[in-house]
Amino acid sequence: MSDTSAHPDSGPESAHTSHREEAPSARKELWIRFLYMIAFWFLGNIAFSVAIFLGALQFVVILITGSKNEELRGFSRNLIQYVWECLAFVIFAREDKPFPLGRFPSVTSSD
C-alpha cells in the first residue's frame, strides 16, 4: 500500500489545488471570448441587415435591367459567408475570429 500523505504532490488535495490555479486563467479567457461573442453577434446582425437590403436592391436591378448584377451578387455571397462565420464563432462551432480580426471571406464558387 502507498501512503498518499507521504507525497505532498499526490492525492486529491493537490489535484484540486492545481485545478484552482488554472481556473482563473481559463475563466478570464472565457470572459474575453464572451466579449468577442457579443461584438461578433452585433457585427453579424449588421451584416445580415445589409445583406437583406442588398437582396432588395438586387431585386430592383433585375426588375430594371432584366439580369443580375454579378458584382452585387458576389459581394452579397461574401457578406453571407461573413454572417455565417460570426454565427459559427458565437455558437462555438469555430475558434477563428471573423473580420475585422480575421480575413474577410471570399466565396469563389460559381453557381
N, C-alpha and C. Protein backbone atom coordinates (compact mmCIF):
# COMPACT_ATOMS: atom_id res chain seq x y z
N MET A 1 0.83 -1.19 0.00
CA MET A 1 0.00 0.00 0.00
C MET A 1 0.86 1.24 0.00
N SER A 2 0.34 2.28 -0.57
CA SER A 2 1.10 3.53 -0.56
C SER A 2 0.38 4.55 0.28
N ASP A 3 1.15 5.36 0.91
CA ASP A 3 0.60 6.41 1.75
C ASP A 3 0.58 7.70 0.96
N THR A 4 -0.60 8.24 0.63
CA THR A 4 -0.69 9.47 -0.16
C THR A 4 -0.29 10.68 0.64
N SER A 5 -0.30 10.58 1.95
CA SER A 5 0.10 11.74 2.76
C SER A 5 1.61 11.91 2.77
N ALA A 6 2.36 10.88 2.36
CA ALA A 6 3.81 10.96 2.34
C ALA A 6 4.30 11.87 1.23
N HIS A 7 3.56 11.98 0.13
CA HIS A 7 3.94 12.82 -1.00
C HIS A 7 2.97 14.00 -1.11
N PRO A 8 3.44 15.19 -0.86
CA PRO A 8 2.53 16.34 -0.89
C PRO A 8 1.97 16.62 -2.29
N ASP A 9 2.63 16.14 -3.35
CA ASP A 9 2.15 16.41 -4.70
C ASP A 9 1.13 15.38 -5.18
N SER A 10 0.85 14.37 -4.38
CA SER A 10 -0.11 13.36 -4.81
C SER A 10 -1.35 13.46 -3.94
N GLY A 11 -2.40 12.86 -4.42
CA GLY A 11 -3.63 12.84 -3.65
C GLY A 11 -4.63 13.83 -4.18
N PRO A 12 -5.85 13.74 -3.68
CA PRO A 12 -6.92 14.58 -4.21
C PRO A 12 -6.74 16.07 -3.92
N GLU A 13 -6.06 16.41 -2.81
CA GLU A 13 -5.91 17.83 -2.49
C GLU A 13 -5.04 18.55 -3.51
N SER A 14 -3.95 17.89 -3.95
CA SER A 14 -3.05 18.54 -4.90
C SER A 14 -3.71 18.70 -6.26
N ALA A 15 -4.54 17.72 -6.67
CA ALA A 15 -5.26 17.83 -7.94
C ALA A 15 -6.24 18.98 -7.87
N HIS A 16 -6.88 19.12 -6.72
CA HIS A 16 -7.86 20.19 -6.55
C HIS A 16 -7.15 21.56 -6.53
N THR A 17 -5.98 21.63 -5.92
CA THR A 17 -5.22 22.88 -5.87
C THR A 17 -4.75 23.30 -7.25
N SER A 18 -4.21 22.36 -8.04
CA SER A 18 -3.75 22.73 -9.38
C SER A 18 -4.92 23.14 -10.25
N HIS A 19 -6.10 22.55 -10.03
CA HIS A 19 -7.29 22.95 -10.79
C HIS A 19 -7.66 24.40 -10.45
N ARG A 20 -7.51 24.77 -9.19
CA ARG A 20 -7.81 26.14 -8.79
C ARG A 20 -6.85 27.14 -9.42
N GLU A 21 -5.59 26.76 -9.57
CA GLU A 21 -4.60 27.66 -10.15
C GLU A 21 -4.87 27.91 -11.63
N GLU A 22 -5.37 26.90 -12.36
CA GLU A 22 -5.64 27.06 -13.78
C GLU A 22 -7.00 27.71 -14.03
N ALA A 23 -7.92 27.59 -13.12
CA ALA A 23 -9.27 28.07 -13.32
C ALA A 23 -9.35 29.58 -13.57
N PRO A 24 -8.65 30.44 -12.83
CA PRO A 24 -8.78 31.87 -13.11
C PRO A 24 -8.36 32.25 -14.53
N SER A 25 -7.31 31.63 -15.04
CA SER A 25 -6.86 31.91 -16.39
C SER A 25 -7.90 31.45 -17.41
N ALA A 26 -8.45 30.25 -17.21
CA ALA A 26 -9.47 29.73 -18.12
C ALA A 26 -10.73 30.57 -18.06
N ARG A 27 -11.10 30.98 -16.87
CA ARG A 27 -12.30 31.82 -16.73
C ARG A 27 -12.09 33.18 -17.40
N LYS A 28 -10.89 33.73 -17.25
CA LYS A 28 -10.60 35.02 -17.87
C LYS A 28 -10.70 34.91 -19.39
N GLU A 29 -10.14 33.83 -19.95
CA GLU A 29 -10.22 33.62 -21.39
C GLU A 29 -11.66 33.45 -21.83
N LEU A 30 -12.46 32.77 -21.02
CA LEU A 30 -13.87 32.57 -21.36
C LEU A 30 -14.63 33.89 -21.34
N TRP A 31 -14.33 34.76 -20.39
CA TRP A 31 -14.99 36.07 -20.35
C TRP A 31 -14.54 36.95 -21.52
N ILE A 32 -13.28 36.84 -21.89
CA ILE A 32 -12.81 37.60 -23.07
C ILE A 32 -13.52 37.09 -24.31
N ARG A 33 -13.66 35.78 -24.42
CA ARG A 33 -14.40 35.23 -25.57
C ARG A 33 -15.85 35.72 -25.55
N PHE A 34 -16.45 35.80 -24.38
CA PHE A 34 -17.82 36.30 -24.27
C PHE A 34 -17.93 37.71 -24.84
N LEU A 35 -16.95 38.55 -24.54
CA LEU A 35 -16.96 39.92 -25.09
C LEU A 35 -16.83 39.89 -26.61
N TYR A 36 -15.95 39.02 -27.13
CA TYR A 36 -15.85 38.86 -28.58
C TYR A 36 -17.16 38.34 -29.17
N MET A 37 -17.82 37.44 -28.47
CA MET A 37 -19.09 36.89 -28.94
C MET A 37 -20.13 37.99 -29.08
N ILE A 38 -20.19 38.87 -28.11
CA ILE A 38 -21.14 39.99 -28.18
C ILE A 38 -20.81 40.88 -29.37
N ALA A 39 -19.53 41.18 -29.56
CA ALA A 39 -19.12 42.04 -30.67
C ALA A 39 -19.45 41.40 -32.01
N PHE A 40 -19.17 40.10 -32.17
CA PHE A 40 -19.44 39.44 -33.45
C PHE A 40 -20.93 39.19 -33.66
N TRP A 41 -21.68 39.05 -32.59
CA TRP A 41 -23.14 38.97 -32.71
C TRP A 41 -23.66 40.30 -33.28
N PHE A 42 -23.16 41.39 -32.74
CA PHE A 42 -23.56 42.72 -33.21
C PHE A 42 -23.17 42.93 -34.68
N LEU A 43 -21.91 42.63 -35.01
CA LEU A 43 -21.45 42.79 -36.39
C LEU A 43 -22.18 41.86 -37.35
N GLY A 44 -22.46 40.64 -36.91
CA GLY A 44 -23.20 39.70 -37.73
C GLY A 44 -24.61 40.18 -38.01
N ASN A 45 -25.25 40.79 -37.02
CA ASN A 45 -26.59 41.34 -37.23
C ASN A 45 -26.58 42.49 -38.22
N ILE A 46 -25.58 43.34 -38.12
CA ILE A 46 -25.47 44.45 -39.08
C ILE A 46 -25.25 43.89 -40.48
N ALA A 47 -24.35 42.93 -40.61
CA ALA A 47 -24.07 42.33 -41.92
C ALA A 47 -25.30 41.65 -42.48
N PHE A 48 -26.08 40.97 -41.63
CA PHE A 48 -27.31 40.33 -42.08
C PHE A 48 -28.30 41.36 -42.60
N SER A 49 -28.45 42.47 -41.90
CA SER A 49 -29.36 43.53 -42.33
C SER A 49 -28.92 44.12 -43.66
N VAL A 50 -27.63 44.32 -43.82
CA VAL A 50 -27.09 44.84 -45.08
C VAL A 50 -27.35 43.84 -46.20
N ALA A 51 -27.20 42.55 -45.92
CA ALA A 51 -27.45 41.52 -46.93
C ALA A 51 -28.91 41.52 -47.37
N ILE A 52 -29.82 41.70 -46.44
CA ILE A 52 -31.25 41.79 -46.79
C ILE A 52 -31.49 43.00 -47.68
N PHE A 53 -30.88 44.12 -47.34
CA PHE A 53 -31.01 45.33 -48.16
C PHE A 53 -30.45 45.08 -49.57
N LEU A 54 -29.30 44.41 -49.65
CA LEU A 54 -28.69 44.12 -50.95
C LEU A 54 -29.56 43.16 -51.77
N GLY A 55 -30.25 42.26 -51.09
CA GLY A 55 -31.19 41.38 -51.78
C GLY A 55 -32.33 42.18 -52.41
N ALA A 56 -32.84 43.16 -51.67
CA ALA A 56 -33.90 44.03 -52.21
C ALA A 56 -33.36 44.87 -53.36
N LEU A 57 -32.14 45.35 -53.21
CA LEU A 57 -31.51 46.14 -54.27
C LEU A 57 -31.30 45.28 -55.53
N GLN A 58 -30.86 44.05 -55.36
CA GLN A 58 -30.70 43.14 -56.49
C GLN A 58 -32.03 42.89 -57.18
N PHE A 59 -33.11 42.80 -56.43
CA PHE A 59 -34.44 42.62 -56.99
C PHE A 59 -34.80 43.81 -57.89
N VAL A 60 -34.52 45.01 -57.41
CA VAL A 60 -34.79 46.22 -58.20
C VAL A 60 -33.94 46.22 -59.47
N VAL A 61 -32.68 45.85 -59.34
CA VAL A 61 -31.79 45.80 -60.50
C VAL A 61 -32.33 44.82 -61.54
N ILE A 62 -32.80 43.66 -61.09
CA ILE A 62 -33.35 42.67 -62.02
C ILE A 62 -34.62 43.20 -62.67
N LEU A 63 -35.45 43.90 -61.92
CA LEU A 63 -36.66 44.49 -62.50
C LEU A 63 -36.33 45.49 -63.59
N ILE A 64 -35.31 46.29 -63.36
CA ILE A 64 -34.96 47.36 -64.31
C ILE A 64 -34.19 46.81 -65.50
N THR A 65 -33.16 46.00 -65.24
CA THR A 65 -32.28 45.57 -66.33
C THR A 65 -32.62 44.19 -66.89
N GLY A 66 -33.32 43.39 -66.14
CA GLY A 66 -33.64 42.05 -66.58
C GLY A 66 -32.56 41.02 -66.28
N SER A 67 -31.45 41.43 -65.68
CA SER A 67 -30.38 40.49 -65.32
C SER A 67 -29.76 40.86 -63.98
N LYS A 68 -29.08 39.88 -63.39
CA LYS A 68 -28.45 40.09 -62.09
C LYS A 68 -27.18 40.92 -62.23
N ASN A 69 -26.91 41.72 -61.23
CA ASN A 69 -25.64 42.43 -61.14
C ASN A 69 -24.65 41.47 -60.47
N GLU A 70 -23.67 41.00 -61.23
CA GLU A 70 -22.74 39.98 -60.71
C GLU A 70 -21.84 40.51 -59.60
N GLU A 71 -21.46 41.77 -59.65
CA GLU A 71 -20.64 42.32 -58.57
C GLU A 71 -21.42 42.36 -57.27
N LEU A 72 -22.67 42.77 -57.36
CA LEU A 72 -23.53 42.81 -56.18
C LEU A 72 -23.78 41.40 -55.66
N ARG A 73 -23.98 40.47 -56.57
CA ARG A 73 -24.20 39.08 -56.21
C ARG A 73 -22.96 38.51 -55.50
N GLY A 74 -21.78 38.76 -56.02
CA GLY A 74 -20.56 38.26 -55.41
C GLY A 74 -20.33 38.85 -54.03
N PHE A 75 -20.54 40.16 -53.89
CA PHE A 75 -20.36 40.78 -52.58
C PHE A 75 -21.37 40.24 -51.58
N SER A 76 -22.60 40.05 -52.04
CA SER A 76 -23.64 39.52 -51.15
C SER A 76 -23.29 38.13 -50.67
N ARG A 77 -22.73 37.30 -51.53
CA ARG A 77 -22.32 35.95 -51.13
C ARG A 77 -21.20 36.01 -50.08
N ASN A 78 -20.25 36.90 -50.28
CA ASN A 78 -19.18 37.07 -49.29
C ASN A 78 -19.74 37.57 -47.96
N LEU A 79 -20.71 38.47 -48.04
CA LEU A 79 -21.31 39.02 -46.83
C LEU A 79 -22.07 37.94 -46.06
N ILE A 80 -22.77 37.08 -46.77
CA ILE A 80 -23.49 35.99 -46.10
C ILE A 80 -22.50 35.00 -45.49
N GLN A 81 -21.38 34.77 -46.16
CA GLN A 81 -20.34 33.91 -45.58
C GLN A 81 -19.80 34.54 -44.30
N TYR A 82 -19.69 35.86 -44.27
CA TYR A 82 -19.24 36.56 -43.07
C TYR A 82 -20.26 36.39 -41.94
N VAL A 83 -21.54 36.49 -42.28
CA VAL A 83 -22.59 36.29 -41.26
C VAL A 83 -22.46 34.88 -40.68
N TRP A 84 -22.22 33.88 -41.56
CA TRP A 84 -22.05 32.51 -41.10
C TRP A 84 -20.84 32.40 -40.17
N GLU A 85 -19.73 33.05 -40.52
CA GLU A 85 -18.53 32.99 -39.68
C GLU A 85 -18.78 33.61 -38.31
N CYS A 86 -19.50 34.71 -38.28
CA CYS A 86 -19.84 35.35 -36.99
C CYS A 86 -20.70 34.41 -36.15
N LEU A 87 -21.71 33.83 -36.77
CA LEU A 87 -22.59 32.91 -36.05
C LEU A 87 -21.82 31.68 -35.58
N ALA A 88 -20.95 31.15 -36.42
CA ALA A 88 -20.17 29.98 -36.05
C ALA A 88 -19.26 30.27 -34.85
N PHE A 89 -18.71 31.48 -34.79
CA PHE A 89 -17.89 31.86 -33.64
C PHE A 89 -18.74 31.97 -32.39
N VAL A 90 -19.91 32.57 -32.52
CA VAL A 90 -20.78 32.78 -31.36
C VAL A 90 -21.27 31.46 -30.78
N ILE A 91 -21.53 30.46 -31.62
CA ILE A 91 -22.05 29.18 -31.11
C ILE A 91 -20.95 28.15 -30.87
N PHE A 92 -19.68 28.59 -30.86
CA PHE A 92 -18.52 27.74 -30.58
C PHE A 92 -18.30 26.67 -31.65
N ALA A 93 -18.76 26.89 -32.88
CA ALA A 93 -18.52 25.96 -33.97
C ALA A 93 -17.14 26.18 -34.58
N ARG A 94 -16.55 27.33 -34.35
CA ARG A 94 -15.19 27.62 -34.82
C ARG A 94 -14.51 28.55 -33.83
N GLU A 95 -13.19 28.49 -33.82
CA GLU A 95 -12.40 29.29 -32.89
C GLU A 95 -11.80 30.52 -33.55
N ASP A 96 -11.65 30.50 -34.87
CA ASP A 96 -11.07 31.64 -35.57
C ASP A 96 -12.01 32.83 -35.51
N LYS A 97 -11.45 33.98 -35.19
CA LYS A 97 -12.27 35.18 -35.11
C LYS A 97 -12.51 35.73 -36.53
N PRO A 98 -13.75 36.11 -36.81
CA PRO A 98 -14.05 36.68 -38.13
C PRO A 98 -13.46 38.07 -38.31
N PHE A 99 -13.66 38.64 -39.49
CA PHE A 99 -13.28 40.00 -39.80
C PHE A 99 -13.90 40.92 -38.77
N PRO A 100 -13.26 41.91 -38.23
CA PRO A 100 -12.03 42.58 -38.62
C PRO A 100 -10.78 42.00 -37.97
N LEU A 101 -10.91 40.96 -37.13
CA LEU A 101 -9.73 40.35 -36.54
C LEU A 101 -9.17 39.24 -37.42
N GLY A 102 -9.96 38.75 -38.32
CA GLY A 102 -9.54 37.75 -39.28
C GLY A 102 -9.70 38.32 -40.68
N ARG A 103 -9.62 37.43 -41.67
CA ARG A 103 -9.78 37.87 -43.06
C ARG A 103 -11.25 37.93 -43.43
N PHE A 104 -11.60 38.88 -44.31
CA PHE A 104 -12.96 38.93 -44.82
C PHE A 104 -13.12 37.77 -45.79
N PRO A 105 -14.23 37.02 -45.70
CA PRO A 105 -14.37 35.83 -46.54
C PRO A 105 -14.48 36.17 -48.02
N SER A 106 -14.04 35.23 -48.83
CA SER A 106 -14.12 35.36 -50.29
C SER A 106 -14.65 34.05 -50.85
N VAL A 107 -15.91 34.08 -51.27
CA VAL A 107 -16.55 32.90 -51.85
C VAL A 107 -16.26 32.90 -53.34
N THR A 108 -15.75 31.79 -53.86
CA THR A 108 -15.35 31.75 -55.26
C THR A 108 -16.19 30.81 -56.11
N SER A 109 -17.12 30.04 -55.50
CA SER A 109 -17.90 29.11 -56.31
C SER A 109 -18.83 29.88 -57.24
N SER A 110 -19.10 29.29 -58.38
CA SER A 110 -19.91 30.00 -59.38
C SER A 110 -21.18 29.22 -59.71
N ASP A 111 -22.20 29.36 -58.87
CA ASP A 111 -23.47 28.74 -59.21
C ASP A 111 -24.55 29.75 -59.33
